[in-house]
Amino acid sequence: MQFLIDILKPLRVICFALAVAARLTCGRETLRVCGVQIKSNEAILVIVEDSAAGAKHIQSPTKKLILEDDKKQSSLKSFLIAAEAFMRENHIECIAIKNRSGSGQMAASGVTFKIEALLQLTVANVAYAAPNMLSKVAASNAATPPDSLHSYQRDAFLSAALILKKAGLL
């Protein structure tokens, strides 16, 4: 299984790089990334665009999506429909998900992995942000979290900014 994961990681990076190149050749000026931090049964969302001044937070009335009951198929479908609508309405081209631990004492619950899987179904480009890299990107002037963010959205913002920085857009 790990072998398969190791093979797929570079392919995700290549797909993201191709999407960025396609955006640049089509004359689009910005790339919209949805930063996501998954906690418990909710996905905290922040929309970020690259700009000359650095990572730009785009205000949205939707701050989080909540999975009501992970055991009910109707709840899973409702979450997926809401996530797809959010990505479509906000023209999201990439999702940046803050990594969670899969094992050990601080392991994330199974519900968070269900949420991650549902989010992966909404957009072709999904990237992952390592928690230890978020503090490094926060220290750069291009990715300072703006005052318009709620404190609980900080890591989602930094996840999106990190992916923009990795793509060479910040």
N, C-alpha and C. Protein backbone atom coordinates (compact mmCIF):
# COMPACT_ATOMS: atom_id res chain seq x y z
N MET A 1 0.82 -1.19 0.00
CA MET A 1 0.00 0.00 0.00
C MET A 1 0.86 1.26 0.00
N GLN A 2 1.91 1.28 0.84
CA GLN A 2 2.79 2.44 0.91
C GLN A 2 3.45 2.67 -0.44
N PHE A 3 3.79 1.59 -1.14
CA PHE A 3 4.40 1.69 -2.46
C PHE A 3 3.49 2.47 -3.41
N LEU A 4 2.21 2.15 -3.39
CA LEU A 4 1.24 2.83 -4.25
C LEU A 4 1.13 4.30 -3.88
N ILE A 5 1.11 4.61 -2.60
CA ILE A 5 1.03 6.00 -2.15
C ILE A 5 2.26 6.77 -2.60
N ASP A 6 3.44 6.15 -2.50
CA ASP A 6 4.68 6.81 -2.92
C ASP A 6 4.69 7.10 -4.42
N ILE A 7 4.07 6.23 -5.20
CA ILE A 7 4.00 6.45 -6.65
C ILE A 7 3.03 7.58 -6.97
N LEU A 8 1.91 7.67 -6.26
CA LEU A 8 0.88 8.65 -6.58
C LEU A 8 1.23 10.06 -6.15
N LYS A 9 2.04 10.26 -5.12
CA LYS A 9 2.38 11.60 -4.66
C LYS A 9 3.00 12.46 -5.75
N PRO A 10 4.04 11.99 -6.48
CA PRO A 10 4.60 12.82 -7.55
C PRO A 10 3.59 13.11 -8.66
N LEU A 11 2.68 12.19 -8.91
CA LEU A 11 1.67 12.42 -9.94
C LEU A 11 0.75 13.57 -9.57
N ARG A 12 0.40 13.70 -8.28
CA ARG A 12 -0.41 14.83 -7.82
C ARG A 12 0.31 16.14 -8.05
N VAL A 13 1.60 16.17 -7.76
CA VAL A 13 2.39 17.39 -7.96
C VAL A 13 2.45 17.74 -9.43
N ILE A 14 2.64 16.74 -10.29
CA ILE A 14 2.67 16.98 -11.73
C ILE A 14 1.33 17.50 -12.22
N CYS A 15 0.23 16.91 -11.76
CA CYS A 15 -1.11 17.38 -12.15
C CYS A 15 -1.33 18.82 -11.72
N PHE A 16 -0.91 19.15 -10.50
CA PHE A 16 -1.07 20.52 -10.02
C PHE A 16 -0.23 21.48 -10.85
N ALA A 17 1.00 21.09 -11.17
CA ALA A 17 1.87 21.93 -11.98
C ALA A 17 1.27 22.14 -13.37
N LEU A 18 0.68 21.10 -13.93
CA LEU A 18 0.02 21.24 -15.24
C LEU A 18 -1.17 22.18 -15.17
N ALA A 19 -1.92 22.11 -14.08
CA ALA A 19 -3.07 23.01 -13.90
C ALA A 19 -2.60 24.46 -13.80
N VAL A 20 -1.51 24.69 -13.08
CA VAL A 20 -0.97 26.04 -12.96
C VAL A 20 -0.50 26.54 -14.32
N ALA A 21 0.20 25.68 -15.07
CA ALA A 21 0.67 26.06 -16.40
C ALA A 21 -0.50 26.36 -17.33
N ALA A 22 -1.55 25.55 -17.26
CA ALA A 22 -2.73 25.78 -18.10
C ALA A 22 -3.38 27.11 -17.74
N ARG A 23 -3.44 27.42 -16.45
CA ARG A 23 -4.02 28.68 -16.02
C ARG A 23 -3.22 29.85 -16.57
N LEU A 24 -1.90 29.74 -16.52
CA LEU A 24 -1.06 30.83 -16.99
C LEU A 24 -1.16 31.02 -18.51
N THR A 25 -1.27 29.91 -19.25
CA THR A 25 -1.37 30.03 -20.70
C THR A 25 -2.75 30.50 -21.14
N CYS A 26 -3.76 30.33 -20.30
CA CYS A 26 -5.11 30.79 -20.64
C CYS A 26 -5.30 32.26 -20.28
N GLY A 27 -4.30 32.89 -19.71
CA GLY A 27 -4.40 34.31 -19.40
C GLY A 27 -5.08 34.62 -18.08
N ARG A 28 -5.38 33.61 -17.26
CA ARG A 28 -5.99 33.88 -15.96
C ARG A 28 -4.94 34.50 -15.07
N GLU A 29 -5.34 35.49 -14.31
CA GLU A 29 -4.38 36.23 -13.50
C GLU A 29 -4.17 35.64 -12.11
N THR A 30 -5.13 34.89 -11.60
CA THR A 30 -5.00 34.37 -10.25
C THR A 30 -5.39 32.89 -10.20
N LEU A 31 -4.90 32.23 -9.17
CA LEU A 31 -5.27 30.85 -8.91
C LEU A 31 -5.99 30.82 -7.58
N ARG A 32 -7.18 30.24 -7.56
CA ARG A 32 -7.96 30.14 -6.32
C ARG A 32 -7.76 28.78 -5.69
N VAL A 33 -7.35 28.82 -4.44
CA VAL A 33 -7.13 27.61 -3.65
C VAL A 33 -8.03 27.67 -2.43
N CYS A 34 -8.63 26.54 -2.10
CA CYS A 34 -9.40 26.44 -0.87
C CYS A 34 -8.56 25.72 0.16
N GLY A 35 -8.15 26.45 1.20
CA GLY A 35 -7.42 25.85 2.30
C GLY A 35 -8.40 25.16 3.23
N VAL A 36 -8.06 23.96 3.67
CA VAL A 36 -8.97 23.18 4.51
C VAL A 36 -8.22 22.62 5.72
N GLN A 37 -8.83 22.80 6.87
CA GLN A 37 -8.37 22.11 8.07
C GLN A 37 -9.55 21.27 8.55
N ILE A 38 -9.32 19.99 8.72
CA ILE A 38 -10.39 19.08 9.13
C ILE A 38 -10.23 18.78 10.61
N LYS A 39 -11.29 19.08 11.37
CA LYS A 39 -11.30 18.82 12.80
C LYS A 39 -12.61 18.14 13.15
N SER A 40 -12.53 17.06 13.87
CA SER A 40 -13.71 16.35 14.34
C SER A 40 -14.62 16.02 13.17
N ASN A 41 -15.79 16.66 13.09
CA ASN A 41 -16.73 16.37 12.00
C ASN A 41 -16.94 17.58 11.10
N GLU A 42 -15.97 18.48 11.08
CA GLU A 42 -16.12 19.68 10.26
C GLU A 42 -14.88 19.97 9.42
N ALA A 43 -15.13 20.61 8.29
CA ALA A 43 -14.05 21.07 7.42
C ALA A 43 -14.07 22.60 7.47
N ILE A 44 -12.99 23.18 7.97
CA ILE A 44 -12.85 24.63 8.04
C ILE A 44 -12.28 25.09 6.71
N LEU A 45 -12.95 26.06 6.08
CA LEU A 45 -12.61 26.47 4.72
C LEU A 45 -12.15 27.92 4.65
N VAL A 46 -11.14 28.17 3.80
CA VAL A 46 -10.68 29.52 3.52
C VAL A 46 -10.30 29.59 2.04
N ILE A 47 -10.78 30.61 1.36
CA ILE A 47 -10.44 30.80 -0.05
C ILE A 47 -9.27 31.78 -0.13
N VAL A 48 -8.24 31.37 -0.88
CA VAL A 48 -7.03 32.19 -1.02
C VAL A 48 -6.66 32.27 -2.50
N GLU A 49 -6.27 33.47 -2.92
CA GLU A 49 -5.77 33.70 -4.28
C GLU A 49 -4.35 34.21 -4.22
N ASP A 50 -3.59 33.92 -5.27
CA ASP A 50 -2.27 34.52 -5.36
C ASP A 50 -2.44 35.93 -5.90
N SER A 51 -1.61 36.84 -5.44
CA SER A 51 -1.63 38.22 -5.94
C SER A 51 -0.24 38.79 -5.82
N ALA A 52 -0.02 39.95 -6.41
CA ALA A 52 1.30 40.58 -6.35
C ALA A 52 1.70 40.90 -4.92
N ALA A 53 0.73 41.17 -4.06
CA ALA A 53 1.00 41.51 -2.66
C ALA A 53 1.13 40.28 -1.76
N GLY A 54 0.94 39.10 -2.31
CA GLY A 54 1.01 37.87 -1.52
C GLY A 54 -0.31 37.13 -1.52
N ALA A 55 -0.48 36.24 -0.57
CA ALA A 55 -1.71 35.46 -0.47
C ALA A 55 -2.86 36.37 -0.08
N LYS A 56 -3.91 36.35 -0.88
CA LYS A 56 -5.06 37.23 -0.65
C LYS A 56 -6.26 36.40 -0.19
N HIS A 57 -6.81 36.74 0.97
CA HIS A 57 -7.98 36.05 1.51
C HIS A 57 -9.23 36.57 0.80
N ILE A 58 -10.03 35.66 0.30
CA ILE A 58 -11.29 36.00 -0.35
C ILE A 58 -12.42 35.68 0.64
N GLN A 59 -13.18 36.69 1.00
CA GLN A 59 -14.28 36.51 1.96
C GLN A 59 -15.35 35.58 1.38
N SER A 60 -15.90 34.76 2.23
CA SER A 60 -16.99 33.87 1.85
C SER A 60 -17.92 33.72 3.05
N PRO A 61 -19.24 33.69 2.82
CA PRO A 61 -20.14 33.49 3.94
C PRO A 61 -20.02 32.08 4.55
N THR A 62 -19.54 31.12 3.76
CA THR A 62 -19.37 29.76 4.25
C THR A 62 -17.97 29.62 4.84
N LYS A 63 -17.90 29.40 6.12
CA LYS A 63 -16.62 29.27 6.83
C LYS A 63 -16.28 27.80 7.11
N LYS A 64 -17.31 26.96 7.20
CA LYS A 64 -17.06 25.55 7.48
C LYS A 64 -18.23 24.72 6.97
N LEU A 65 -17.93 23.45 6.70
CA LEU A 65 -18.94 22.46 6.35
C LEU A 65 -18.92 21.40 7.43
N ILE A 66 -20.11 20.98 7.86
CA ILE A 66 -20.21 20.02 8.96
C ILE A 66 -20.86 18.74 8.45
N LEU A 67 -20.23 17.61 8.79
CA LEU A 67 -20.79 16.30 8.50
C LEU A 67 -21.60 15.89 9.72
N GLU A 68 -22.92 15.92 9.59
CA GLU A 68 -23.82 15.69 10.72
C GLU A 68 -23.69 14.30 11.33
N ASP A 69 -23.81 13.26 10.50
CA ASP A 69 -23.77 11.89 10.99
C ASP A 69 -23.01 11.04 9.98
N ASP A 70 -21.81 10.64 10.33
CA ASP A 70 -20.96 9.91 9.38
C ASP A 70 -21.46 8.49 9.11
N LYS A 71 -22.44 8.03 9.84
CA LYS A 71 -22.98 6.68 9.64
C LYS A 71 -24.16 6.66 8.65
N LYS A 72 -24.71 7.84 8.36
CA LYS A 72 -25.87 7.91 7.46
C LYS A 72 -25.43 8.32 6.06
N GLN A 73 -25.86 7.53 5.09
CA GLN A 73 -25.53 7.81 3.70
C GLN A 73 -26.09 9.17 3.27
N SER A 74 -27.25 9.53 3.76
CA SER A 74 -27.85 10.81 3.38
C SER A 74 -27.00 11.99 3.87
N SER A 75 -26.38 11.86 5.04
CA SER A 75 -25.50 12.91 5.55
C SER A 75 -24.24 13.03 4.70
N LEU A 76 -23.70 11.89 4.29
CA LEU A 76 -22.51 11.90 3.44
C LEU A 76 -22.82 12.55 2.09
N LYS A 77 -23.97 12.21 1.52
CA LYS A 77 -24.37 12.81 0.24
C LYS A 77 -24.60 14.31 0.39
N SER A 78 -25.24 14.71 1.47
CA SER A 78 -25.48 16.14 1.70
C SER A 78 -24.18 16.91 1.83
N PHE A 79 -23.21 16.33 2.54
CA PHE A 79 -21.91 16.98 2.69
C PHE A 79 -21.24 17.12 1.33
N LEU A 80 -21.26 16.05 0.54
CA LEU A 80 -20.64 16.07 -0.78
C LEU A 80 -21.29 17.12 -1.68
N ILE A 81 -22.61 17.19 -1.67
CA ILE A 81 -23.32 18.18 -2.49
C ILE A 81 -22.97 19.59 -2.06
N ALA A 82 -22.93 19.83 -0.75
CA ALA A 82 -22.56 21.16 -0.24
C ALA A 82 -21.13 21.52 -0.60
N ALA A 83 -20.21 20.55 -0.50
CA ALA A 83 -18.81 20.81 -0.85
C ALA A 83 -18.65 21.10 -2.34
N GLU A 84 -19.34 20.32 -3.18
CA GLU A 84 -19.28 20.55 -4.63
C GLU A 84 -19.82 21.93 -4.98
N ALA A 85 -20.94 22.31 -4.37
CA ALA A 85 -21.53 23.63 -4.63
C ALA A 85 -20.58 24.75 -4.20
N PHE A 86 -19.96 24.60 -3.04
CA PHE A 86 -19.01 25.60 -2.56
C PHE A 86 -17.84 25.76 -3.53
N MET A 87 -17.27 24.64 -3.98
CA MET A 87 -16.12 24.69 -4.89
C MET A 87 -16.51 25.30 -6.23
N ARG A 88 -17.67 24.93 -6.73
CA ARG A 88 -18.14 25.44 -8.02
C ARG A 88 -18.46 26.93 -7.95
N GLU A 89 -19.21 27.35 -6.94
CA GLU A 89 -19.63 28.75 -6.80
C GLU A 89 -18.45 29.69 -6.57
N ASN A 90 -17.39 29.18 -5.95
CA ASN A 90 -16.23 30.01 -5.65
C ASN A 90 -15.07 29.80 -6.62
N HIS A 91 -15.31 29.03 -7.68
CA HIS A 91 -14.31 28.80 -8.74
C HIS A 91 -12.99 28.28 -8.18
N ILE A 92 -13.07 27.29 -7.30
CA ILE A 92 -11.89 26.71 -6.67
C ILE A 92 -11.20 25.77 -7.66
N GLU A 93 -9.89 25.96 -7.82
CA GLU A 93 -9.11 25.13 -8.74
C GLU A 93 -8.27 24.07 -8.03
N CYS A 94 -8.05 24.28 -6.75
CA CYS A 94 -7.22 23.35 -5.98
C CYS A 94 -7.66 23.39 -4.52
N ILE A 95 -7.57 22.26 -3.87
CA ILE A 95 -7.85 22.17 -2.44
C ILE A 95 -6.52 21.87 -1.74
N ALA A 96 -6.22 22.62 -0.69
CA ALA A 96 -5.02 22.40 0.12
C ALA A 96 -5.47 21.92 1.49
N ILE A 97 -5.21 20.67 1.80
CA ILE A 97 -5.66 20.08 3.06
C ILE A 97 -4.48 19.96 4.02
N LYS A 98 -4.69 20.46 5.23
CA LYS A 98 -3.66 20.30 6.27
C LYS A 98 -3.62 18.83 6.67
N ASN A 99 -2.43 18.24 6.61
CA ASN A 99 -2.25 16.83 6.98
C ASN A 99 -2.63 16.59 8.43
N ARG A 100 -3.17 15.40 8.67
CA ARG A 100 -3.46 14.94 10.02
C ARG A 100 -2.72 13.64 10.24
N SER A 101 -2.44 13.34 11.48
CA SER A 101 -1.74 12.10 11.80
C SER A 101 -2.67 10.91 11.60
N GLY A 102 -2.15 9.88 10.97
CA GLY A 102 -2.95 8.68 10.74
C GLY A 102 -2.76 7.61 11.79
N SER A 103 -1.74 7.76 12.62
CA SER A 103 -1.50 6.76 13.65
C SER A 103 -0.87 7.42 14.88
N GLY A 104 -0.81 6.67 15.95
CA GLY A 104 -0.22 7.17 17.18
C GLY A 104 -1.26 7.78 18.10
N GLN A 105 -0.78 8.41 19.18
CA GLN A 105 -1.68 8.99 20.17
C GLN A 105 -2.51 10.13 19.62
N MET A 106 -1.95 10.89 18.71
CA MET A 106 -2.64 12.06 18.17
C MET A 106 -3.33 11.76 16.83
N ALA A 107 -3.63 10.50 16.58
CA ALA A 107 -4.24 10.10 15.32
C ALA A 107 -5.61 10.73 15.14
N ALA A 108 -5.89 11.10 13.91
CA ALA A 108 -7.19 11.67 13.58
C ALA A 108 -8.25 10.57 13.57
N SER A 109 -9.48 10.97 13.77
CA SER A 109 -10.57 9.98 13.78
C SER A 109 -10.92 9.56 12.35
N GLY A 110 -11.62 8.46 12.25
CA GLY A 110 -12.05 7.97 10.95
C GLY A 110 -12.98 8.94 10.23
N VAL A 111 -13.73 9.72 10.99
CA VAL A 111 -14.65 10.70 10.40
C VAL A 111 -13.88 11.73 9.58
N THR A 112 -12.71 12.14 10.07
CA THR A 112 -11.94 13.14 9.33
C THR A 112 -11.47 12.60 7.99
N PHE A 113 -11.19 11.30 7.93
CA PHE A 113 -10.76 10.72 6.67
C PHE A 113 -11.93 10.57 5.69
N LYS A 114 -13.13 10.38 6.21
CA LYS A 114 -14.32 10.38 5.35
C LYS A 114 -14.51 11.78 4.75
N ILE A 115 -14.36 12.80 5.58
CA ILE A 115 -14.49 14.18 5.09
C ILE A 115 -13.45 14.46 4.02
N GLU A 116 -12.22 14.03 4.26
CA GLU A 116 -11.15 14.23 3.28
C GLU A 116 -11.50 13.56 1.95
N ALA A 117 -11.99 12.33 2.01
CA ALA A 117 -12.34 11.60 0.80
C ALA A 117 -13.45 12.32 0.04
N LEU A 118 -14.45 12.82 0.75
CA LEU A 118 -15.53 13.55 0.08
C LEU A 118 -15.02 14.83 -0.57
N LEU A 119 -14.11 15.52 0.09
CA LEU A 119 -13.53 16.74 -0.50
C LEU A 119 -12.71 16.41 -1.74
N GLN A 120 -12.01 15.29 -1.72
CA GLN A 120 -11.20 14.88 -2.87
C GLN A 120 -12.05 14.64 -4.11
N LEU A 121 -13.31 14.30 -3.91
CA LEU A 121 -14.21 14.05 -5.04
C LEU A 121 -14.70 15.34 -5.71
N THR A 122 -14.47 16.48 -5.09
CA THR A 122 -15.04 17.73 -5.60
C THR A 122 -14.16 18.46 -6.60
N VAL A 123 -12.85 18.35 -6.48
CA VAL A 123 -11.91 19.09 -7.34
C VAL A 123 -10.81 18.15 -7.77
N ALA A 124 -10.33 18.31 -9.00
CA ALA A 124 -9.30 17.42 -9.53
C ALA A 124 -7.96 17.56 -8.80
N ASN A 125 -7.62 18.77 -8.41
CA ASN A 125 -6.31 19.02 -7.79
C ASN A 125 -6.44 19.13 -6.28
N VAL A 126 -5.82 18.18 -5.59
CA VAL A 126 -5.80 18.19 -4.13
C VAL A 126 -4.34 18.09 -3.72
N ALA A 127 -3.93 19.00 -2.83
CA ALA A 127 -2.56 19.00 -2.33
C ALA A 127 -2.61 18.95 -0.81
N TYR A 128 -1.50 18.55 -0.21
CA TYR A 128 -1.44 18.40 1.24
C TYR A 128 -0.36 19.30 1.82
N ALA A 129 -0.67 19.89 2.96
CA ALA A 129 0.25 20.78 3.64
C ALA A 129 0.68 20.14 4.95
N ALA A 130 1.99 19.98 5.10
CA ALA A 130 2.53 19.41 6.34
C ALA A 130 2.45 20.45 7.45
N PRO A 131 1.96 20.06 8.63
CA PRO A 131 1.81 21.02 9.73
C PRO A 131 3.10 21.76 10.09
N ASN A 132 4.25 21.07 10.01
CA ASN A 132 5.50 21.73 10.37
C ASN A 132 5.92 22.80 9.35
N MET A 133 5.36 22.76 8.16
CA MET A 133 5.68 23.76 7.14
C MET A 133 4.82 25.02 7.28
N LEU A 134 3.71 24.93 8.00
CA LEU A 134 2.81 26.08 8.13
C LEU A 134 3.46 27.24 8.86
N SER A 135 4.25 26.95 9.88
CA SER A 135 4.92 28.04 10.61
C SER A 135 5.97 28.72 9.73
N LYS A 136 6.60 27.96 8.85
CA LYS A 136 7.59 28.55 7.94
C LYS A 136 6.93 29.48 6.93
N VAL A 137 5.80 29.07 6.39
CA VAL A 137 5.12 29.93 5.42
C VAL A 137 4.51 31.15 6.12
N ALA A 138 4.12 31.00 7.38
CA ALA A 138 3.56 32.13 8.14
C ALA A 138 4.62 33.20 8.36
N ALA A 139 5.88 32.78 8.47
CA ALA A 139 6.97 33.73 8.70
C ALA A 139 7.29 34.56 7.46
N SER A 140 6.88 34.08 6.29
CA SER A 140 7.16 34.84 5.06
C SER A 140 6.15 35.98 4.92
N ASN A 141 6.59 37.08 4.37
CA ASN A 141 5.73 38.25 4.20
C ASN A 141 4.57 37.99 3.23
N ALA A 142 4.75 37.05 2.33
CA ALA A 142 3.74 36.78 1.32
C ALA A 142 2.54 36.02 1.87
N ALA A 143 2.65 35.48 3.07
CA ALA A 143 1.57 34.63 3.58
C ALA A 143 1.16 34.98 5.00
N THR A 144 1.18 36.24 5.34
CA THR A 144 0.75 36.66 6.66
C THR A 144 -0.77 36.58 6.74
N PRO A 145 -1.30 35.84 7.71
CA PRO A 145 -2.77 35.75 7.82
C PRO A 145 -3.38 37.14 8.04
N PRO A 146 -4.38 37.49 7.26
CA PRO A 146 -4.99 38.82 7.39
C PRO A 146 -5.91 38.93 8.61
N ASP A 147 -6.25 40.15 8.97
CA ASP A 147 -7.16 40.38 10.10
C ASP A 147 -8.58 39.91 9.81
N SER A 148 -8.91 39.73 8.54
CA SER A 148 -10.27 39.31 8.17
C SER A 148 -10.53 37.84 8.51
N LEU A 149 -9.49 37.10 8.90
CA LEU A 149 -9.65 35.69 9.26
C LEU A 149 -10.07 35.53 10.71
N HIS A 150 -10.87 34.53 10.97
CA HIS A 150 -11.13 34.12 12.35
C HIS A 150 -9.93 33.28 12.79
N SER A 151 -9.65 33.24 14.06
CA SER A 151 -8.47 32.50 14.54
C SER A 151 -8.55 31.01 14.17
N TYR A 152 -9.74 30.44 14.14
CA TYR A 152 -9.86 29.02 13.81
C TYR A 152 -9.58 28.73 12.34
N GLN A 153 -9.52 29.76 11.49
CA GLN A 153 -9.26 29.59 10.06
C GLN A 153 -7.78 29.72 9.71
N ARG A 154 -6.94 30.06 10.67
CA ARG A 154 -5.53 30.35 10.41
C ARG A 154 -4.81 29.22 9.68
N ASP A 155 -4.91 27.99 10.18
CA ASP A 155 -4.20 26.87 9.56
C ASP A 155 -4.72 26.55 8.17
N ALA A 156 -6.01 26.73 7.93
CA ALA A 156 -6.56 26.51 6.59
C ALA A 156 -5.98 27.55 5.62
N PHE A 157 -5.88 28.81 6.07
CA PHE A 157 -5.28 29.86 5.24
C PHE A 157 -3.82 29.53 4.93
N LEU A 158 -3.07 29.15 5.95
CA LEU A 158 -1.65 28.85 5.76
C LEU A 158 -1.45 27.63 4.86
N SER A 159 -2.36 26.66 4.93
CA SER A 159 -2.27 25.49 4.05
C SER A 159 -2.39 25.91 2.59
N ALA A 160 -3.34 26.78 2.30
CA ALA A 160 -3.52 27.27 0.93
C ALA A 160 -2.31 28.10 0.50
N ALA A 161 -1.83 28.96 1.38
CA ALA A 161 -0.67 29.80 1.06
C ALA A 161 0.57 28.95 0.80
N LEU A 162 0.74 27.88 1.57
CA LEU A 162 1.88 27.00 1.37
C LEU A 162 1.84 26.36 -0.01
N ILE A 163 0.68 25.93 -0.44
CA ILE A 163 0.55 25.29 -1.77
C ILE A 163 0.82 26.33 -2.86
N LEU A 164 0.34 27.55 -2.69
CA LEU A 164 0.64 28.61 -3.67
C LEU A 164 2.14 28.89 -3.71
N LYS A 165 2.77 28.87 -2.56
CA LYS A 165 4.21 29.12 -2.49
C LYS A 165 4.98 27.98 -3.17
N LYS A 166 4.58 26.73 -2.91
CA LYS A 166 5.22 25.58 -3.54
C LYS A 166 5.08 25.62 -5.07
N ALA A 167 3.97 26.16 -5.53
CA ALA A 167 3.72 26.26 -6.97
C ALA A 167 4.46 27.44 -7.59
N GLY A 168 5.16 28.21 -6.76
CA GLY A 168 5.93 29.35 -7.27
C GLY A 168 5.08 30.58 -7.55
N LEU A 169 3.90 30.65 -6.96
CA LEU A 169 3.00 31.77 -7.23
C LEU A 169 3.06 32.83 -6.15
N LEU A 170 3.78 32.60 -5.07
CA LEU A 170 3.96 33.60 -4.02
C LEU A 170 5.43 33.89 -3.84
